[in-house]
Amino acid sequence: YTNAYVVFSPNVSFSAEEVNLVRNFVANGGRLILFTDPTRGTFEYDYNRDVNINLPDVNAANNLLAPFGISVNNDYLYNLEKSEGNFRNVLFEDFSTNAITSGMNQLAFYGVHSVEAGNGTPLIVGNENTYSSLTDSAGRGMAVAAVSEDGNVLVLGDFSFLIPPYNTVVDNQILIRNIANYALDGTRAHSVADFPYVFDRTVYL
């Protein structure tokens, strides 16, 4: 019965069956919204080498995103010229024309991965002074949010902007409202499989 499936910073990879279920859900018009965040990874202790191994959320996120042509980089973006109090609190003012970015002039993300849009559309991009920790090089147009080619998958490299007090900074509240509308605006097509209790006995499709 669901219109949207929302995932926050996953740390366990999805099985092939789960990925296939989500892919079919999206193909039928359901919305997938996936938030990642460079500050939300986990650690696993390697007893053989006596070290902690960083397990970033992008590993599980990219596993789920593979069928949709979007991926998230294992980095964080920063800006040494202009920020919201800290070089990792990046301000964004470059938006694609889309309902998700409607009405916005400036956003602040507090630790954000860059996103590879693939065949989709980059929605929010950094300026020429926004750098990636992977390469310490800047490039105007590094995306932090993207939507898939069919419009049913939305990926963001941060979710701290959802949390007080960051949700009240600049136009973050507008983005939150637009994402909520996006989640509810899907036109998912239902099948008999969505209503298993209508029948008295097993129905084979």
C-alpha atoms as a PDB file:
ATOM      1  CA  TYR A   1       0.000   0.000   0.000  1.00  0.00           C
ATOM      2  CA  THR A   2       3.033   2.259   0.289  1.00  0.00           C
ATOM      3  CA  ASN A   3       3.756   5.198  -2.020  1.00  0.00           C
ATOM      4  CA  ALA A   4       7.379   5.683  -0.966  1.00  0.00           C
ATOM      5  CA  TYR A   5      10.200   3.675   0.586  1.00  0.00           C
ATOM      6  CA  VAL A   6      12.590   5.885   2.582  1.00  0.00           C
ATOM      7  CA  VAL A   7      16.050   4.711   3.657  1.00  0.00           C
ATOM      8  CA  PHE A   8      18.384   6.553   6.044  1.00  0.00           C
ATOM      9  CA  SER A   9      22.127   5.856   6.026  1.00  0.00           C
ATOM     10  CA  PRO A  10      22.005   2.047   5.650  1.00  0.00           C
ATOM     11  CA  ASN A  11      24.851   0.059   7.162  1.00  0.00           C
ATOM     12  CA  VAL A  12      23.860  -3.468   6.111  1.00  0.00           C
ATOM     13  CA  SER A  13      23.887  -4.423   2.439  1.00  0.00           C
ATOM     14  CA  PHE A  14      20.580  -5.345   0.842  1.00  0.00           C
ATOM     15  CA  SER A  15      20.167  -8.872  -0.461  1.00  0.00           C
ATOM     16  CA  ALA A  16      19.607  -9.537  -4.157  1.00  0.00           C
ATOM     17  CA  GLU A  17      15.975 -10.360  -3.378  1.00  0.00           C
ATOM     18  CA  GLU A  18      15.494  -7.106  -1.493  1.00  0.00           C
ATOM     19  CA  VAL A  19      17.080  -5.070  -4.282  1.00  0.00           C
ATOM     20  CA  ASN A  20      14.789  -6.772  -6.781  1.00  0.00           C
ATOM     21  CA  LEU A  21      11.724  -6.012  -4.648  1.00  0.00           C
ATOM     22  CA  VAL A  22      12.657  -2.328  -4.473  1.00  0.00           C
ATOM     23  CA  ARG A  23      13.379  -2.228  -8.204  1.00  0.00           C
ATOM     24  CA  ASN A  24       9.915  -3.670  -8.945  1.00  0.00           C
ATOM     25  CA  PHE A  25       8.347  -1.249  -6.473  1.00  0.00           C
ATOM     26  CA  VAL A  26       9.955   1.692  -8.312  1.00  0.00           C
ATOM     27  CA  ALA A  27       9.069   0.261 -11.726  1.00  0.00           C
ATOM     28  CA  ASN A  28       5.415   0.255 -10.640  1.00  0.00           C
ATOM     29  CA  GLY A  29       5.574   3.959  -9.785  1.00  0.00           C
ATOM     30  CA  GLY A  30       6.673   3.795  -6.153  1.00  0.00           C
ATOM     31  CA  ARG A  31       9.163   6.376  -4.884  1.00  0.00           C
ATOM     32  CA  LEU A  32      12.534   5.463  -3.392  1.00  0.00           C
ATOM     33  CA  ILE A  33      14.163   8.173  -1.253  1.00  0.00           C
ATOM     34  CA  LEU A  34      17.634   7.396   0.052  1.00  0.00           C
ATOM     35  CA  PHE A  35      19.546   9.636   2.456  1.00  0.00           C
ATOM     36  CA  THR A  36      23.242   9.103   3.153  1.00  0.00           C
ATOM     37  CA  ASP A  37      25.600  10.981   5.459  1.00  0.00           C
ATOM     38  CA  PRO A  38      29.401  10.867   5.842  1.00  0.00           C
ATOM     39  CA  THR A  39      29.100  11.140   9.637  1.00  0.00           C
ATOM     40  CA  ARG A  40      26.815   8.100  10.009  1.00  0.00           C
ATOM     41  CA  GLY A  41      29.044   5.195   9.017  1.00  0.00           C
ATOM     42  CA  THR A  42      29.869   2.320  11.359  1.00  0.00           C
ATOM     43  CA  PHE A  43      33.049   0.555  12.456  1.00  0.00           C
ATOM     44  CA  GLU A  44      33.938  -3.111  12.590  1.00  0.00           C
ATOM     45  CA  TYR A  45      36.824  -4.433  14.648  1.00  0.00           C
ATOM     46  CA  ASP A  46      39.280  -6.703  12.818  1.00  0.00           C
ATOM     47  CA  TYR A  47      40.704  -8.974  15.517  1.00  0.00           C
ATOM     48  CA  ASN A  48      43.298 -10.442  13.173  1.00  0.00           C
ATOM     49  CA  ARG A  49      44.873  -7.079  12.400  1.00  0.00           C
ATOM     50  CA  ASP A  50      43.863  -5.329  15.653  1.00  0.00           C
ATOM     51  CA  VAL A  51      42.330  -2.376  13.808  1.00  0.00           C
ATOM     52  CA  ASN A  52      38.947  -0.710  13.400  1.00  0.00           C
ATOM     53  CA  ILE A  53      37.626  -0.839   9.844  1.00  0.00           C
ATOM     54  CA  ASN A  54      35.424   2.022   8.675  1.00  0.00           C
ATOM     55  CA  LEU A  55      32.201   0.851   7.029  1.00  0.00           C
ATOM     56  CA  PRO A  56      30.673   3.879   5.286  1.00  0.00           C
ATOM     57  CA  ASP A  57      26.977   3.981   4.531  1.00  0.00           C
ATOM     58  CA  VAL A  58      27.690   4.371   0.810  1.00  0.00           C
ATOM     59  CA  ASN A  59      28.533   0.650   0.527  1.00  0.00           C
ATOM     60  CA  ALA A  60      25.003  -0.465   1.367  1.00  0.00           C
ATOM     61  CA  ALA A  61      23.459   2.563  -0.364  1.00  0.00           C
ATOM     62  CA  ASN A  62      25.179   1.852  -3.673  1.00  0.00           C
ATOM     63  CA  ASN A  63      24.165  -1.785  -3.443  1.00  0.00           C
ATOM     64  CA  LEU A  64      20.513  -0.676  -3.412  1.00  0.00           C
ATOM     65  CA  LEU A  65      21.013   2.059  -6.021  1.00  0.00           C
ATOM     66  CA  ALA A  66      22.811  -0.098  -8.607  1.00  0.00           C
ATOM     67  CA  PRO A  67      19.702  -0.783 -10.759  1.00  0.00           C
ATOM     68  CA  PHE A  68      18.905   2.932 -10.998  1.00  0.00           C
ATOM     69  CA  GLY A  69      22.208   4.303 -12.332  1.00  0.00           C
ATOM     70  CA  ILE A  70      22.908   6.609  -9.357  1.00  0.00           C
ATOM     71  CA  SER A  71      25.752   6.198  -6.876  1.00  0.00           C
ATOM     72  CA  VAL A  72      27.149   7.999  -3.832  1.00  0.00           C
ATOM     73  CA  ASN A  73      30.852   8.710  -3.348  1.00  0.00           C
ATOM     74  CA  ASN A  74      32.645   7.805  -0.130  1.00  0.00           C
ATOM     75  CA  ASP A  75      33.714  11.380   0.571  1.00  0.00           C
ATOM     76  CA  TYR A  76      32.568  14.598   2.179  1.00  0.00           C
ATOM     77  CA  LEU A  77      32.433  18.010   0.551  1.00  0.00           C
ATOM     78  CA  TYR A  78      33.918  21.160   2.054  1.00  0.00           C
ATOM     79  CA  ASN A  79      34.317  24.815   1.208  1.00  0.00           C
ATOM     80  CA  LEU A  80      37.112  26.983   2.629  1.00  0.00           C
ATOM     81  CA  GLU A  81      35.800  30.223   1.122  1.00  0.00           C
ATOM     82  CA  LYS A  82      32.200  30.361   2.330  1.00  0.00           C
ATOM     83  CA  SER A  83      30.408  28.088   4.755  1.00  0.00           C
ATOM     84  CA  GLU A  84      27.785  27.958   7.499  1.00  0.00           C
ATOM     85  CA  GLY A  85      30.185  28.291  10.417  1.00  0.00           C
ATOM     86  CA  ASN A  86      32.506  25.393   9.519  1.00  0.00           C
ATOM     87  CA  PHE A  87      34.253  24.374   6.300  1.00  0.00           C
ATOM     88  CA  ARG A  88      32.286  21.091   6.228  1.00  0.00           C
ATOM     89  CA  ASN A  89      28.972  22.946   6.553  1.00  0.00           C
ATOM     90  CA  VAL A  90      28.571  23.679   2.872  1.00  0.00           C
ATOM     91  CA  LEU A  91      26.188  26.237   1.383  1.00  0.00           C
ATOM     92  CA  PHE A  92      24.526  25.474  -1.952  1.00  0.00           C
ATOM     93  CA  GLU A  93      22.891  27.943  -4.321  1.00  0.00           C
ATOM     94  CA  ASP A  94      22.922  26.093  -7.658  1.00  0.00           C
ATOM     95  CA  PHE A  95      19.739  24.102  -8.308  1.00  0.00           C
ATOM     96  CA  SER A  96      18.227  22.329 -11.297  1.00  0.00           C
ATOM     97  CA  THR A  97      14.668  23.205 -12.207  1.00  0.00           C
ATOM     98  CA  ASN A  98      12.593  20.569 -10.440  1.00  0.00           C
ATOM     99  CA  ALA A  99       9.682  20.368  -8.001  1.00  0.00           C
ATOM    100  CA  ILE A 100      12.111  19.161  -5.323  1.00  0.00           C
ATOM    101  CA  THR A 101      14.182  22.363  -5.583  1.00  0.00           C
ATOM    102  CA  SER A 102      11.260  24.724  -6.149  1.00  0.00           C
ATOM    103  CA  GLY A 103      11.286  27.947  -4.125  1.00  0.00           C
ATOM    104  CA  MET A 104      14.840  27.590  -2.814  1.00  0.00           C
ATOM    105  CA  ASN A 105      17.654  30.140  -2.914  1.00  0.00           C
ATOM    106  CA  GLN A 106      20.182  28.626  -0.518  1.00  0.00           C
ATOM    107  CA  LEU A 107      20.665  25.381   1.410  1.00  0.00           C
ATOM    108  CA  ALA A 108      23.095  24.353   4.148  1.00  0.00           C
ATOM    109  CA  PHE A 109      24.273  20.749   4.468  1.00  0.00           C
ATOM    110  CA  TYR A 110      26.248  19.749   7.563  1.00  0.00           C
ATOM    111  CA  GLY A 111      28.511  17.001   6.238  1.00  0.00           C
ATOM    112  CA  VAL A 112      27.531  15.711   2.807  1.00  0.00           C
ATOM    113  CA  HIS A 113      28.599  13.043   0.319  1.00  0.00           C
ATOM    114  CA  SER A 114      28.817  13.873  -3.371  1.00  0.00           C
ATOM    115  CA  VAL A 115      26.371  12.017  -5.631  1.00  0.00           C
ATOM    116  CA  GLU A 116      26.909  10.695  -9.163  1.00  0.00           C
ATOM    117  CA  ALA A 117      23.673  11.264 -11.081  1.00  0.00           C
ATOM    118  CA  GLY A 118      24.487   8.915 -13.974  1.00  0.00           C
ATOM    119  CA  ASN A 119      21.586   9.053 -16.438  1.00  0.00           C
ATOM    120  CA  GLY A 120      19.525  10.999 -13.926  1.00  0.00           C
ATOM    121  CA  THR A 121      19.461  14.687 -13.074  1.00  0.00           C
ATOM    122  CA  PRO A 122      21.722  16.395 -10.522  1.00  0.00           C
ATOM    123  CA  LEU A 123      19.468  18.604  -8.399  1.00  0.00           C
ATOM    124  CA  ILE A 124      21.809  20.444  -6.020  1.00  0.00           C
ATOM    125  CA  VAL A 125      25.422  21.181  -6.983  1.00  0.00           C
ATOM    126  CA  GLY A 126      28.392  22.916  -5.407  1.00  0.00           C
ATOM    127  CA  ASN A 127      30.235  25.970  -6.685  1.00  0.00           C
ATOM    128  CA  GLU A 128      33.848  26.259  -7.868  1.00  0.00           C
ATOM    129  CA  ASN A 129      35.095  26.477  -4.254  1.00  0.00           C
ATOM    130  CA  THR A 130      33.452  23.249  -3.116  1.00  0.00           C
ATOM    131  CA  TYR A 131      35.986  20.437  -2.716  1.00  0.00           C
ATOM    132  CA  SER A 132      35.762  16.667  -2.351  1.00  0.00           C
ATOM    133  CA  SER A 133      37.776  14.958   0.394  1.00  0.00           C
ATOM    134  CA  LEU A 134      38.523  12.122  -2.033  1.00  0.00           C
ATOM    135  CA  THR A 135      40.692  14.246  -4.279  1.00  0.00           C
ATOM    136  CA  ASP A 136      40.935  17.617  -2.485  1.00  0.00           C
ATOM    137  CA  SER A 137      40.053  19.125  -5.830  1.00  0.00           C
ATOM    138  CA  ALA A 138      37.170  21.390  -6.666  1.00  0.00           C
ATOM    139  CA  GLY A 139      34.852  21.313  -9.586  1.00  0.00           C
ATOM    140  CA  ARG A 140      31.725  23.294 -10.128  1.00  0.00           C
ATOM    141  CA  GLY A 141      28.805  20.961 -10.539  1.00  0.00           C
ATOM    142  CA  MET A 142      29.599  18.278  -7.946  1.00  0.00           C
ATOM    143  CA  ALA A 143      26.126  17.107  -7.014  1.00  0.00           C
ATOM    144  CA  VAL A 144      24.841  16.337  -3.529  1.00  0.00           C
ATOM    145  CA  ALA A 145      21.346  15.302  -4.628  1.00  0.00           C
ATOM    146  CA  ALA A 146      20.022  13.623  -7.752  1.00  0.00           C
ATOM    147  CA  VAL A 147      16.843  12.142  -9.151  1.00  0.00           C
ATOM    148  CA  SER A 148      16.736   9.134 -11.468  1.00  0.00           C
ATOM    149  CA  GLU A 149      15.868   9.307 -15.154  1.00  0.00           C
ATOM    150  CA  ASP A 150      12.297   8.111 -14.532  1.00  0.00           C
ATOM    151  CA  GLY A 151      11.900  10.544 -11.626  1.00  0.00           C
ATOM    152  CA  ASN A 152      11.062   7.877  -9.050  1.00  0.00           C
ATOM    153  CA  VAL A 153      14.370   7.676  -7.152  1.00  0.00           C
ATOM    154  CA  LEU A 154      15.740  10.555  -5.076  1.00  0.00           C
ATOM    155  CA  VAL A 155      19.207  10.373  -3.499  1.00  0.00           C
ATOM    156  CA  LEU A 156      20.721  12.905  -1.091  1.00  0.00           C
ATOM    157  CA  GLY A 157      24.227  12.933   0.385  1.00  0.00           C
ATOM    158  CA  ASP A 158      23.112  14.310   3.769  1.00  0.00           C
ATOM    159  CA  PHE A 159      20.193  14.146   6.168  1.00  0.00           C
ATOM    160  CA  SER A 160      21.359  16.397   9.008  1.00  0.00           C
ATOM    161  CA  PHE A 161      19.327  19.210   7.405  1.00  0.00           C
ATOM    162  CA  LEU A 162      16.190  17.338   8.515  1.00  0.00           C
ATOM    163  CA  ILE A 163      17.131  17.561  12.199  1.00  0.00           C
ATOM    164  CA  PRO A 164      16.627  20.566  14.536  1.00  0.00           C
ATOM    165  CA  PRO A 165      18.119  23.130  14.614  1.00  0.00           C
ATOM    166  CA  TYR A 166      19.548  22.626  11.101  1.00  0.00           C
ATOM    167  CA  ASN A 167      16.081  22.308   9.561  1.00  0.00           C
ATOM    168  CA  THR A 168      15.468  26.024  10.260  1.00  0.00           C
ATOM    169  CA  VAL A 169      18.621  27.327   8.540  1.00  0.00           C
ATOM    170  CA  VAL A 170      18.268  29.199   5.207  1.00  0.00           C
ATOM    171  CA  ASP A 171      15.828  27.303   2.933  1.00  0.00           C
ATOM    172  CA  ASN A 172      16.227  23.837   4.463  1.00  0.00           C
ATOM    173  CA  GLN A 173      12.569  23.807   5.556  1.00  0.00           C
ATOM    174  CA  ILE A 174      11.472  24.349   1.972  1.00  0.00           C
ATOM    175  CA  LEU A 175      13.533  21.365   0.832  1.00  0.00           C
ATOM    176  CA  ILE A 176      12.001  19.215   3.581  1.00  0.00           C
ATOM    177  CA  ARG A 177       8.503  20.215   2.476  1.00  0.00           C
ATOM    178  CA  ASN A 178       9.313  19.503  -1.163  1.00  0.00           C
ATOM    179  CA  ILE A 179      10.718  16.059  -0.324  1.00  0.00           C
ATOM    180  CA  ALA A 180       7.576  15.232   1.667  1.00  0.00           C
ATOM    181  CA  ASN A 181       5.420  16.243  -1.297  1.00  0.00           C
ATOM    182  CA  TYR A 182       7.616  14.174  -3.621  1.00  0.00           C
ATOM    183  CA  ALA A 183       7.186  11.116  -1.406  1.00  0.00           C
ATOM    184  CA  LEU A 184       3.398  11.419  -1.565  1.00  0.00           C
ATOM    185  CA  ASP A 185       3.105  12.344  -5.239  1.00  0.00           C
ATOM    186  CA  GLY A 186       4.017   8.960  -6.686  1.00  0.00           C
ATOM    187  CA  THR A 187       1.445   7.166  -8.809  1.00  0.00           C
ATOM    188  CA  ARG A 188       2.150   3.576  -7.917  1.00  0.00           C
ATOM    189  CA  ALA A 189       0.226   0.979  -9.914  1.00  0.00           C
ATOM    190  CA  HIS A 190      -1.257  -1.762  -7.728  1.00  0.00           C
ATOM    191  CA  SER A 191      -1.696  -5.410  -8.603  1.00  0.00           C
ATOM    192  CA  VAL A 192      -3.566  -8.352  -7.074  1.00  0.00           C
ATOM    193  CA  ALA A 193      -0.396  -9.187  -5.118  1.00  0.00           C
ATOM    194  CA  ASP A 194      -0.905  -5.995  -3.072  1.00  0.00           C
ATOM    195  CA  PHE A 195      -4.172  -7.355  -1.649  1.00  0.00           C
ATOM    196  CA  PRO A 196      -3.393 -10.901  -0.455  1.00  0.00           C
ATOM    197  CA  TYR A 197      -6.230 -11.089   2.068  1.00  0.00           C
ATOM    198  CA  VAL A 198      -9.023 -10.505  -0.454  1.00  0.00           C
ATOM    199  CA  PHE A 199      -9.000 -14.207  -1.308  1.00  0.00           C
ATOM    200  CA  ASP A 200      -9.936 -17.256   0.749  1.00  0.00           C
ATOM    201  CA  ARG A 201      -7.151 -19.398  -0.666  1.00  0.00           C
ATOM    202  CA  THR A 202      -3.743 -18.953  -2.252  1.00  0.00           C
ATOM    203  CA  VAL A 203      -3.701 -17.095  -5.555  1.00  0.00           C
ATOM    204  CA  TYR A 204      -0.869 -17.962  -7.933  1.00  0.00           C
ATOM    205  CA  LEU A 205       0.289 -15.159 -10.233  1.00  0.00           C
END
